[in-house]
């Protein structure tokens, strides 16, 4: 994978890698051109980077044009380029909604109460031209893309089905697990969405970061197992003594490099909030860095 170089991944699917590698984005953000002929779908235009914008324009063959720009979720590494691409191409921007769309009542309450986010850059200015509900079909040449609302990484995150090819955004990747950072991220919703994706027979998974995944069922099962294992570790640690999210992170992610610990702590907090919502643990509100979580007594 090389930034600025278009790659033919499958029939009617081309990938362009943005030059924004980092511990959170892996080699960078994947933008996809989907379809053939004069009307193409651009999925995740990526960061507002002049080199990437120029590469996107250069990737269009003579006679090709963008019919729509689809954004999986409102993180800046996926959505920030959308306004410029739309202005230059005239194509509408489609997404589930803005950066706060799709939040569960619990996450909305926590956001209203002032729970700070963390991790990836939320694109608070993002506004799609049209909203895409679950199950919507986006015309794409002689076929279509089907919208799958997959809240978890963000409340408004969507995946797209192109036949049996899954465009998984940041919900499922091959090289790493996804960041779930409340109140934008929701672990309970993430697990439910992951199980929904795992129920379908995909032949190929094309994530928002990293290379394509061919053993899709195995990878989705591994991600489910990974999250269930983390939940079990959190509960085991709390069975010994109450603890803060920070203390639990140090205990559970003991071999994780220091620069990645803040993201790990957000994942731990997401597990804690999900466990609290399911009455497995308790804590004193309001939530903050020093909040102590306690395992509930067995019923």
C-alpha atoms as a PDB file:
ATOM      1  CA  UNK A   1       0.000   0.000   0.000  1.00  0.00           C
ATOM      2  CA  UNK A   2       1.509   3.299  -1.159  1.00  0.00           C
ATOM      3  CA  UNK A   3      -0.021   6.751  -0.622  1.00  0.00           C
ATOM      4  CA  UNK A   4      -1.207   8.437  -3.796  1.00  0.00           C
ATOM      5  CA  UNK A   5      -1.170   5.253  -5.873  1.00  0.00           C
ATOM      6  CA  UNK A   6      -4.480   3.833  -7.068  1.00  0.00           C
ATOM      7  CA  UNK A   7      -4.906   0.069  -6.587  1.00  0.00           C
ATOM      8  CA  UNK A   8      -7.478  -2.172  -8.255  1.00  0.00           C
ATOM      9  CA  UNK A   9      -8.712  -4.329  -5.380  1.00  0.00           C
ATOM     10  CA  UNK A  10     -11.608  -6.158  -7.051  1.00  0.00           C
ATOM     11  CA  UNK A  11     -13.886  -5.625 -10.054  1.00  0.00           C
ATOM     12  CA  UNK A  12     -15.367  -2.111  -9.797  1.00  0.00           C
ATOM     13  CA  UNK A  13     -13.342  -1.325  -6.639  1.00  0.00           C
ATOM     14  CA  UNK A  14     -10.248   0.889  -6.511  1.00  0.00           C
ATOM     15  CA  UNK A  15      -8.409   2.015  -3.381  1.00  0.00           C
ATOM     16  CA  UNK A  16      -6.362   5.143  -2.758  1.00  0.00           C
ATOM     17  CA  UNK A  17      -4.338   5.458   0.447  1.00  0.00           C
ATOM     18  CA  UNK A  18      -4.124   8.872   2.121  1.00  0.00           C
ATOM     19  CA  UNK A  19      -0.704  10.014   3.421  1.00  0.00           C
ATOM     20  CA  UNK A  20      -1.741  10.129   7.100  1.00  0.00           C
ATOM     21  CA  UNK A  21      -0.087   7.144   8.815  1.00  0.00           C
ATOM     22  CA  UNK A  22      -0.180   7.045  12.629  1.00  0.00           C
ATOM     23  CA  UNK A  23      -0.651   4.579  15.512  1.00  0.00           C
ATOM     24  CA  UNK A  24      -4.410   5.183  15.178  1.00  0.00           C
ATOM     25  CA  UNK A  25      -4.689   5.056  11.368  1.00  0.00           C
ATOM     26  CA  UNK A  26      -2.100   2.379  10.554  1.00  0.00           C
ATOM     27  CA  UNK A  27      -0.707   3.053   7.057  1.00  0.00           C
ATOM     28  CA  UNK A  28      -3.320   5.781   6.517  1.00  0.00           C
ATOM     29  CA  UNK A  29      -6.973   6.199   5.547  1.00  0.00           C
ATOM     30  CA  UNK A  30      -8.350   4.176   2.644  1.00  0.00           C
ATOM     31  CA  UNK A  31     -10.520   6.027   0.131  1.00  0.00           C
ATOM     32  CA  UNK A  32     -12.446   3.806  -2.289  1.00  0.00           C
ATOM     33  CA  UNK A  33     -13.811   4.446  -5.781  1.00  0.00           C
ATOM     34  CA  UNK A  34     -16.685   2.058  -6.429  1.00  0.00           C
ATOM     35  CA  UNK A  35     -18.459   1.306  -9.695  1.00  0.00           C
ATOM     36  CA  UNK A  36     -17.625   1.675 -13.349  1.00  0.00           C
ATOM     37  CA  UNK A  37     -18.543   3.963 -16.187  1.00  0.00           C
ATOM     38  CA  UNK A  38     -19.279   7.622 -15.797  1.00  0.00           C
ATOM     39  CA  UNK A  39     -20.892   7.600 -12.321  1.00  0.00           C
ATOM     40  CA  UNK A  40     -18.736   6.471  -9.387  1.00  0.00           C
ATOM     41  CA  UNK A  41     -19.162   6.419  -5.626  1.00  0.00           C
ATOM     42  CA  UNK A  42     -16.316   7.817  -3.525  1.00  0.00           C
ATOM     43  CA  UNK A  43     -16.287   6.197  -0.096  1.00  0.00           C
ATOM     44  CA  UNK A  44     -14.482   8.100   2.671  1.00  0.00           C
ATOM     45  CA  UNK A  45     -12.699  11.001   0.949  1.00  0.00           C
ATOM     46  CA  UNK A  46     -10.275  11.104   3.874  1.00  0.00           C
ATOM     47  CA  UNK A  47      -8.355  13.947   5.532  1.00  0.00           C
ATOM     48  CA  UNK A  48      -8.315  17.474   4.122  1.00  0.00           C
ATOM     49  CA  UNK A  49      -4.884  16.977   2.593  1.00  0.00           C
ATOM     50  CA  UNK A  50      -3.950  18.703  -0.719  1.00  0.00           C
ATOM     51  CA  UNK A  51      -1.859  15.770  -1.937  1.00  0.00           C
ATOM     52  CA  UNK A  52      -4.667  13.299  -1.295  1.00  0.00           C
ATOM     53  CA  UNK A  53      -7.250  15.558  -2.943  1.00  0.00           C
ATOM     54  CA  UNK A  54      -5.035  15.837  -6.025  1.00  0.00           C
ATOM     55  CA  UNK A  55      -4.560  12.066  -6.108  1.00  0.00           C
ATOM     56  CA  UNK A  56      -8.328  11.510  -5.862  1.00  0.00           C
ATOM     57  CA  UNK A  57      -8.922  13.779  -8.844  1.00  0.00           C
ATOM     58  CA  UNK A  58      -6.122  12.122 -10.826  1.00  0.00           C
ATOM     59  CA  UNK A  59      -7.614   8.685 -10.126  1.00  0.00           C
ATOM     60  CA  UNK A  60     -10.682   9.486 -12.233  1.00  0.00           C
ATOM     61  CA  UNK A  61     -10.319   8.269 -15.813  1.00  0.00           C
ATOM     62  CA  UNK A  62     -11.505  10.442 -18.727  1.00  0.00           C
ATOM     63  CA  UNK A  63     -15.288  10.457 -18.758  1.00  0.00           C
ATOM     64  CA  UNK A  64     -15.627   9.316 -15.135  1.00  0.00           C
ATOM     65  CA  UNK A  65     -17.294  11.507 -12.549  1.00  0.00           C
ATOM     66  CA  UNK A  66     -18.465  11.217  -8.957  1.00  0.00           C
ATOM     67  CA  UNK A  67     -22.178  10.586  -8.477  1.00  0.00           C
ATOM     68  CA  UNK A  68     -21.941  10.657  -4.662  1.00  0.00           C
ATOM     69  CA  UNK A  69     -19.512  10.959  -1.773  1.00  0.00           C
ATOM     70  CA  UNK A  70     -20.298   8.536   1.054  1.00  0.00           C
ATOM     71  CA  UNK A  71     -18.781   8.982   4.527  1.00  0.00           C
ATOM     72  CA  UNK A  72     -18.757   6.065   6.986  1.00  0.00           C
ATOM     73  CA  UNK A  73     -18.432   8.321  10.048  1.00  0.00           C
ATOM     74  CA  UNK A  74     -17.509  11.822  11.133  1.00  0.00           C
ATOM     75  CA  UNK A  75     -13.892  11.423  12.168  1.00  0.00           C
ATOM     76  CA  UNK A  76     -11.607  13.928  10.424  1.00  0.00           C
ATOM     77  CA  UNK A  77      -9.411  11.259   8.864  1.00  0.00           C
ATOM     78  CA  UNK A  78     -12.496  10.021   6.949  1.00  0.00           C
ATOM     79  CA  UNK A  79     -14.726  13.062   6.471  1.00  0.00           C
ATOM     80  CA  UNK A  80     -12.674  16.263   6.459  1.00  0.00           C
ATOM     81  CA  UNK A  81     -12.042  16.268   2.694  1.00  0.00           C
ATOM     82  CA  UNK A  82     -15.739  15.838   1.862  1.00  0.00           C
ATOM     83  CA  UNK A  83     -16.614  19.567   1.504  1.00  0.00           C
ATOM     84  CA  UNK A  84     -13.742  20.258  -0.894  1.00  0.00           C
ATOM     85  CA  UNK A  85     -14.399  17.156  -2.991  1.00  0.00           C
ATOM     86  CA  UNK A  86     -18.096  18.029  -3.122  1.00  0.00           C
ATOM     87  CA  UNK A  87     -17.363  21.605  -4.172  1.00  0.00           C
ATOM     88  CA  UNK A  88     -15.029  20.490  -6.953  1.00  0.00           C
ATOM     89  CA  UNK A  89     -17.120  17.594  -8.230  1.00  0.00           C
ATOM     90  CA  UNK A  90     -20.678  18.745  -7.577  1.00  0.00           C
ATOM     91  CA  UNK A  91     -21.428  15.364  -5.974  1.00  0.00           C
ATOM     92  CA  UNK A  92     -23.620  15.269  -2.845  1.00  0.00           C
ATOM     93  CA  UNK A  93     -22.251  14.071   0.499  1.00  0.00           C
ATOM     94  CA  UNK A  94     -24.136  11.133   2.030  1.00  0.00           C
ATOM     95  CA  UNK A  95     -23.820   9.776   5.582  1.00  0.00           C
ATOM     96  CA  UNK A  96     -25.955   8.554   8.466  1.00  0.00           C
ATOM     97  CA  UNK A  97     -25.772  12.008  10.012  1.00  0.00           C
ATOM     98  CA  UNK A  98     -23.497  14.468  11.770  1.00  0.00           C
ATOM     99  CA  UNK A  99     -20.949  13.675  14.476  1.00  0.00           C
ATOM    100  CA  UNK A 100     -23.596  13.223  17.183  1.00  0.00           C
ATOM    101  CA  UNK A 101     -26.121  11.206  15.165  1.00  0.00           C
ATOM    102  CA  UNK A 102     -27.063   7.734  16.376  1.00  0.00           C
ATOM    103  CA  UNK A 103     -25.968   8.134  19.984  1.00  0.00           C
ATOM    104  CA  UNK A 104     -27.750   5.911  22.480  1.00  0.00           C
ATOM    105  CA  UNK A 105     -29.729   7.626  25.279  1.00  0.00           C
ATOM    106  CA  UNK A 106     -26.961   6.694  27.734  1.00  0.00           C
ATOM    107  CA  UNK A 107     -24.199   8.227  25.605  1.00  0.00           C
ATOM    108  CA  UNK A 108     -26.305  11.327  24.991  1.00  0.00           C
ATOM    109  CA  UNK A 109     -26.838  11.737  28.739  1.00  0.00           C
ATOM    110  CA  UNK A 110     -23.109  11.365  29.367  1.00  0.00           C
ATOM    111  CA  UNK A 111     -22.273  13.875  26.625  1.00  0.00           C
ATOM    112  CA  UNK A 112     -24.793  16.354  28.038  1.00  0.00           C
ATOM    113  CA  UNK A 113     -23.278  15.855  31.488  1.00  0.00           C
ATOM    114  CA  UNK A 114     -19.883  16.812  30.106  1.00  0.00           C
ATOM    115  CA  UNK A 115     -18.063  13.486  29.692  1.00  0.00           C
ATOM    116  CA  UNK A 116     -15.070  14.423  27.505  1.00  0.00           C
ATOM    117  CA  UNK A 117     -14.253  12.377  24.433  1.00  0.00           C
ATOM    118  CA  UNK A 118     -10.785  11.237  23.504  1.00  0.00           C
ATOM    119  CA  UNK A 119      -8.774   9.466  20.852  1.00  0.00           C
ATOM    120  CA  UNK A 120      -9.591  10.323  17.253  1.00  0.00           C
ATOM    121  CA  UNK A 121     -10.494  13.780  15.954  1.00  0.00           C
ATOM    122  CA  UNK A 122     -14.251  14.268  15.793  1.00  0.00           C
ATOM    123  CA  UNK A 123     -15.352  16.327  12.783  1.00  0.00           C
ATOM    124  CA  UNK A 124     -17.869  18.535  14.592  1.00  0.00           C
ATOM    125  CA  UNK A 125     -18.402  20.635  11.436  1.00  0.00           C
ATOM    126  CA  UNK A 126     -19.450  17.672   9.292  1.00  0.00           C
ATOM    127  CA  UNK A 127     -22.936  17.898   7.789  1.00  0.00           C
ATOM    128  CA  UNK A 128     -24.044  15.519   5.018  1.00  0.00           C
ATOM    129  CA  UNK A 129     -26.300  16.737   2.221  1.00  0.00           C
ATOM    130  CA  UNK A 130     -28.503  13.676   2.634  1.00  0.00           C
ATOM    131  CA  UNK A 131     -28.916  11.154   5.468  1.00  0.00           C
ATOM    132  CA  UNK A 132     -28.599   7.421   4.890  1.00  0.00           C
ATOM    133  CA  UNK A 133     -30.807   5.250   7.112  1.00  0.00           C
ATOM    134  CA  UNK A 134     -30.108   1.591   7.767  1.00  0.00           C
ATOM    135  CA  UNK A 135     -30.976  -0.473   4.691  1.00  0.00           C
ATOM    136  CA  UNK A 136     -30.801   2.421   2.234  1.00  0.00           C
ATOM    137  CA  UNK A 137     -29.598   1.549  -1.243  1.00  0.00           C
ATOM    138  CA  UNK A 138     -27.214   3.837  -3.120  1.00  0.00           C
ATOM    139  CA  UNK A 139     -27.280   3.344  -6.914  1.00  0.00           C
ATOM    140  CA  UNK A 140     -23.872   2.291  -8.210  1.00  0.00           C
ATOM    141  CA  UNK A 141     -23.784   1.535 -11.930  1.00  0.00           C
ATOM    142  CA  UNK A 142     -25.908  -1.522 -12.648  1.00  0.00           C
ATOM    143  CA  UNK A 143     -26.088  -2.445  -8.947  1.00  0.00           C
ATOM    144  CA  UNK A 144     -26.108  -0.660  -5.586  1.00  0.00           C
ATOM    145  CA  UNK A 145     -24.417  -0.206  -2.222  1.00  0.00           C
ATOM    146  CA  UNK A 146     -26.517  -1.221   0.788  1.00  0.00           C
ATOM    147  CA  UNK A 147     -26.176   0.779   4.002  1.00  0.00           C
ATOM    148  CA  UNK A 148     -25.667  -1.116   7.269  1.00  0.00           C
ATOM    149  CA  UNK A 149     -25.930   1.120  10.333  1.00  0.00           C
ATOM    150  CA  UNK A 150     -23.218  -0.134  12.695  1.00  0.00           C
ATOM    151  CA  UNK A 151     -23.085   2.110  15.777  1.00  0.00           C
ATOM    152  CA  UNK A 152     -20.190   1.478  18.122  1.00  0.00           C
ATOM    153  CA  UNK A 153     -17.033   3.234  16.951  1.00  0.00           C
ATOM    154  CA  UNK A 154     -19.369   6.210  16.545  1.00  0.00           C
ATOM    155  CA  UNK A 155     -23.145   6.381  16.885  1.00  0.00           C
ATOM    156  CA  UNK A 156     -23.556   7.253  13.220  1.00  0.00           C
ATOM    157  CA  UNK A 157     -21.048   4.773  11.810  1.00  0.00           C
ATOM    158  CA  UNK A 158     -22.153   2.860   8.717  1.00  0.00           C
ATOM    159  CA  UNK A 159     -20.727  -0.060   6.779  1.00  0.00           C
ATOM    160  CA  UNK A 160     -21.594  -0.704   3.131  1.00  0.00           C
ATOM    161  CA  UNK A 161     -22.392  -3.976   1.377  1.00  0.00           C
ATOM    162  CA  UNK A 162     -21.454  -4.289  -2.307  1.00  0.00           C
ATOM    163  CA  UNK A 163     -22.784  -7.740  -3.056  1.00  0.00           C
ATOM    164  CA  UNK A 164     -20.786  -9.968  -0.716  1.00  0.00           C
ATOM    165  CA  UNK A 165     -18.016  -7.387  -0.274  1.00  0.00           C
ATOM    166  CA  UNK A 166     -18.089  -5.519   3.046  1.00  0.00           C
ATOM    167  CA  UNK A 167     -16.747  -1.975   3.326  1.00  0.00           C
ATOM    168  CA  UNK A 168     -16.269  -1.968   7.089  1.00  0.00           C
ATOM    169  CA  UNK A 169     -15.000   1.558   7.792  1.00  0.00           C
ATOM    170  CA  UNK A 170     -13.460   1.645  11.267  1.00  0.00           C
ATOM    171  CA  UNK A 171     -15.823  -0.934  12.734  1.00  0.00           C
ATOM    172  CA  UNK A 172     -13.670  -3.920  11.797  1.00  0.00           C
ATOM    173  CA  UNK A 173     -10.089  -3.991  10.535  1.00  0.00           C
ATOM    174  CA  UNK A 174      -7.490  -6.655   9.978  1.00  0.00           C
ATOM    175  CA  UNK A 175      -4.467  -5.011  11.580  1.00  0.00           C
ATOM    176  CA  UNK A 176      -5.965  -3.733  14.852  1.00  0.00           C
ATOM    177  CA  UNK A 177      -9.099  -3.555  16.953  1.00  0.00           C
ATOM    178  CA  UNK A 178     -11.269  -0.426  16.823  1.00  0.00           C
ATOM    179  CA  UNK A 179     -11.161   2.420  19.304  1.00  0.00           C
ATOM    180  CA  UNK A 180     -14.398   2.769  21.271  1.00  0.00           C
ATOM    181  CA  UNK A 181     -14.265   6.144  22.994  1.00  0.00           C
ATOM    182  CA  UNK A 182     -17.391   7.298  24.894  1.00  0.00           C
ATOM    183  CA  UNK A 183     -19.550   9.273  24.489  1.00  0.00           C
ATOM    184  CA  UNK A 184     -18.933   9.054  20.739  1.00  0.00           C
ATOM    185  CA  UNK A 185     -18.190   5.333  20.991  1.00  0.00           C
ATOM    186  CA  UNK A 186     -20.473   2.773  22.637  1.00  0.00           C
ATOM    187  CA  UNK A 187     -19.226  -0.716  23.516  1.00  0.00           C
ATOM    188  CA  UNK A 188     -22.653  -2.332  23.827  1.00  0.00           C
ATOM    189  CA  UNK A 189     -23.678  -1.003  20.421  1.00  0.00           C
ATOM    190  CA  UNK A 190     -20.301  -2.004  18.972  1.00  0.00           C
ATOM    191  CA  UNK A 191     -20.676  -5.624  20.063  1.00  0.00           C
ATOM    192  CA  UNK A 192     -24.226  -5.823  18.699  1.00  0.00           C
ATOM    193  CA  UNK A 193     -23.138  -4.349  15.368  1.00  0.00           C
ATOM    194  CA  UNK A 194     -20.166  -6.706  15.170  1.00  0.00           C
ATOM    195  CA  UNK A 195     -22.432  -9.703  15.750  1.00  0.00           C
ATOM    196  CA  UNK A 196     -24.756  -8.428  13.022  1.00  0.00           C
ATOM    197  CA  UNK A 197     -21.888  -8.225  10.526  1.00  0.00           C
ATOM    198  CA  UNK A 198     -20.644 -11.679  11.545  1.00  0.00           C
ATOM    199  CA  UNK A 199     -24.002 -13.214  10.610  1.00  0.00           C
ATOM    200  CA  UNK A 200     -23.516 -12.505   6.889  1.00  0.00           C
ATOM    201  CA  UNK A 201     -21.366 -14.550   4.419  1.00  0.00           C
ATOM    202  CA  UNK A 202     -18.795 -12.004   3.235  1.00  0.00           C
ATOM    203  CA  UNK A 203     -16.163 -12.908   0.643  1.00  0.00           C
ATOM    204  CA  UNK A 204     -14.000  -9.822   1.233  1.00  0.00           C
ATOM    205  CA  UNK A 205     -13.714  -7.055   3.835  1.00  0.00           C
ATOM    206  CA  UNK A 206     -12.296  -3.669   2.890  1.00  0.00           C
ATOM    207  CA  UNK A 207     -11.641  -1.570   6.021  1.00  0.00           C
ATOM    208  CA  UNK A 208     -11.043   2.133   6.470  1.00  0.00           C
ATOM    209  CA  UNK A 209      -7.426   1.455   7.432  1.00  0.00           C
ATOM    210  CA  UNK A 210      -5.039  -1.320   6.514  1.00  0.00           C
ATOM    211  CA  UNK A 211      -5.159  -4.049   3.867  1.00  0.00           C
ATOM    212  CA  UNK A 212      -8.123  -6.068   2.689  1.00  0.00           C
ATOM    213  CA  UNK A 213      -9.269  -9.082   4.738  1.00  0.00           C
ATOM    214  CA  UNK A 214     -10.104 -12.304   2.901  1.00  0.00           C
ATOM    215  CA  UNK A 215     -10.908 -14.553   5.876  1.00  0.00           C
ATOM    216  CA  UNK A 216     -13.742 -12.323   6.978  1.00  0.00           C
ATOM    217  CA  UNK A 217     -15.740 -14.697   9.176  1.00  0.00           C
ATOM    218  CA  UNK A 218     -12.599 -15.667  11.085  1.00  0.00           C
ATOM    219  CA  UNK A 219     -11.575 -12.053  11.602  1.00  0.00           C
ATOM    220  CA  UNK A 220     -15.008 -10.926  12.817  1.00  0.00           C
ATOM    221  CA  UNK A 221     -15.136 -13.898  15.204  1.00  0.00           C
ATOM    222  CA  UNK A 222     -11.669 -12.975  16.513  1.00  0.00           C
ATOM    223  CA  UNK A 223     -12.761  -9.385  17.149  1.00  0.00           C
ATOM    224  CA  UNK A 224     -15.810 -10.572  19.079  1.00  0.00           C
ATOM    225  CA  UNK A 225     -13.662 -12.927  21.153  1.00  0.00           C
ATOM    226  CA  UNK A 226     -11.117 -10.184  21.796  1.00  0.00           C
ATOM    227  CA  UNK A 227     -13.735  -7.813  23.193  1.00  0.00           C
ATOM    228  CA  UNK A 228     -15.346 -10.546  25.284  1.00  0.00           C
ATOM    229  CA  UNK A 229     -11.910 -11.361  26.714  1.00  0.00           C
ATOM    230  CA  UNK A 230     -11.282  -7.720  27.602  1.00  0.00           C
ATOM    231  CA  UNK A 231     -14.650  -7.560  29.341  1.00  0.00           C
ATOM    232  CA  UNK A 232     -13.781 -10.668  31.336  1.00  0.00           C
ATOM    233  CA  UNK A 233     -10.442  -9.105  32.335  1.00  0.00           C
ATOM    234  CA  UNK A 234     -12.207  -5.959  33.561  1.00  0.00           C
ATOM    235  CA  UNK A 235     -14.671  -7.981  35.645  1.00  0.00           C
ATOM    236  CA  UNK A 236     -11.906 -10.178  37.075  1.00  0.00           C
ATOM    237  CA  UNK A 237      -9.860  -7.149  38.091  1.00  0.00           C
ATOM    238  CA  UNK A 238     -12.881  -5.552  39.770  1.00  0.00           C
ATOM    239  CA  UNK A 239     -13.627  -8.772  41.636  1.00  0.00           C
ATOM    240  CA  UNK A 240     -10.379  -8.227  43.557  1.00  0.00           C
ATOM    241  CA  UNK A 241     -10.933  -4.547  44.376  1.00  0.00           C
ATOM    242  CA  UNK A 242     -12.718  -1.425  43.106  1.00  0.00           C
ATOM    243  CA  UNK A 243     -10.611   0.614  40.703  1.00  0.00           C
ATOM    244  CA  UNK A 244     -10.543   3.578  38.331  1.00  0.00           C
ATOM    245  CA  UNK A 245     -10.424   3.194  34.555  1.00  0.00           C
ATOM    246  CA  UNK A 246      -6.798   4.341  34.608  1.00  0.00           C
ATOM    247  CA  UNK A 247      -5.779   1.740  37.189  1.00  0.00           C
ATOM    248  CA  UNK A 248      -7.595  -1.006  35.282  1.00  0.00           C
ATOM    249  CA  UNK A 249      -5.859   0.036  32.066  1.00  0.00           C
ATOM    250  CA  UNK A 250      -2.413  -0.256  33.644  1.00  0.00           C
ATOM    251  CA  UNK A 251      -3.332  -3.676  34.991  1.00  0.00           C
ATOM    252  CA  UNK A 252      -4.883  -5.085  31.815  1.00  0.00           C
ATOM    253  CA  UNK A 253      -2.736  -3.431  29.127  1.00  0.00           C
ATOM    254  CA  UNK A 254       0.559  -4.042  30.916  1.00  0.00           C
ATOM    255  CA  UNK A 255       2.499  -4.751  27.692  1.00  0.00           C
ATOM    256  CA  UNK A 256       0.986  -1.939  25.591  1.00  0.00           C
ATOM    257  CA  UNK A 257       3.396   0.854  24.497  1.00  0.00           C
ATOM    258  CA  UNK A 258       2.917   4.043  26.510  1.00  0.00           C
ATOM    259  CA  UNK A 259       1.747   6.187  23.536  1.00  0.00           C
ATOM    260  CA  UNK A 260      -1.218   3.828  23.048  1.00  0.00           C
ATOM    261  CA  UNK A 261      -2.335   3.740  26.690  1.00  0.00           C
ATOM    262  CA  UNK A 262      -4.693   6.761  26.427  1.00  0.00           C
ATOM    263  CA  UNK A 263      -6.627   4.967  23.659  1.00  0.00           C
ATOM    264  CA  UNK A 264      -6.590   1.758  25.701  1.00  0.00           C
ATOM    265  CA  UNK A 265      -8.055   3.657  28.650  1.00  0.00           C
ATOM    266  CA  UNK A 266     -10.910   4.874  26.447  1.00  0.00           C
ATOM    267  CA  UNK A 267     -11.661   1.255  25.514  1.00  0.00           C
ATOM    268  CA  UNK A 268     -11.629   0.267  29.191  1.00  0.00           C
ATOM    269  CA  UNK A 269     -14.016   3.113  29.990  1.00  0.00           C
ATOM    270  CA  UNK A 270     -16.299   1.901  27.175  1.00  0.00           C
ATOM    271  CA  UNK A 271     -16.345  -1.591  28.707  1.00  0.00           C
ATOM    272  CA  UNK A 272     -17.053  -0.140  32.136  1.00  0.00           C
ATOM    273  CA  UNK A 273     -19.988   1.926  30.888  1.00  0.00           C
ATOM    274  CA  UNK A 274     -21.436  -1.061  29.076  1.00  0.00           C
ATOM    275  CA  UNK A 275     -21.070  -3.251  32.176  1.00  0.00           C
ATOM    276  CA  UNK A 276     -22.666  -0.537  34.297  1.00  0.00           C
ATOM    277  CA  UNK A 277     -25.557  -0.242  31.835  1.00  0.00           C
ATOM    278  CA  UNK A 278     -26.074  -4.013  32.203  1.00  0.00           C
ATOM    279  CA  UNK A 279     -25.949  -3.771  36.041  1.00  0.00           C
ATOM    280  CA  UNK A 280     -22.727  -5.786  36.419  1.00  0.00           C
ATOM    281  CA  UNK A 281     -20.863  -2.905  38.078  1.00  0.00           C
ATOM    282  CA  UNK A 282     -21.633   0.391  39.796  1.00  0.00           C
ATOM    283  CA  UNK A 283     -19.939   3.748  40.254  1.00  0.00           C
ATOM    284  CA  UNK A 284     -20.544   7.151  41.767  1.00  0.00           C
ATOM    285  CA  UNK A 285     -21.679   9.755  39.241  1.00  0.00           C
ATOM    286  CA  UNK A 286     -20.720  12.086  37.661  1.00  0.00           C
ATOM    287  CA  UNK A 287     -18.017  10.295  35.747  1.00  0.00           C
ATOM    288  CA  UNK A 288     -14.475  11.643  35.828  1.00  0.00           C
ATOM    289  CA  UNK A 289     -10.828  10.518  35.764  1.00  0.00           C
ATOM    290  CA  UNK A 290     -10.957   9.514  39.441  1.00  0.00           C
ATOM    291  CA  UNK A 291     -14.292   7.659  39.308  1.00  0.00           C
ATOM    292  CA  UNK A 292     -14.058   4.327  41.115  1.00  0.00           C
ATOM    293  CA  UNK A 293     -15.948   1.375  39.700  1.00  0.00           C
ATOM    294  CA  UNK A 294     -17.152  -1.510  41.870  1.00  0.00           C
ATOM    295  CA  UNK A 295     -18.354  -4.927  40.855  1.00  0.00           C
ATOM    296  CA  UNK A 296     -21.992  -5.533  41.780  1.00  0.00           C
ATOM    297  CA  UNK A 297     -22.855  -8.310  44.215  1.00  0.00           C
ATOM    298  CA  UNK A 298     -24.146 -11.490  42.501  1.00  0.00           C
ATOM    299  CA  UNK A 299     -27.916 -11.804  42.514  1.00  0.00           C
END
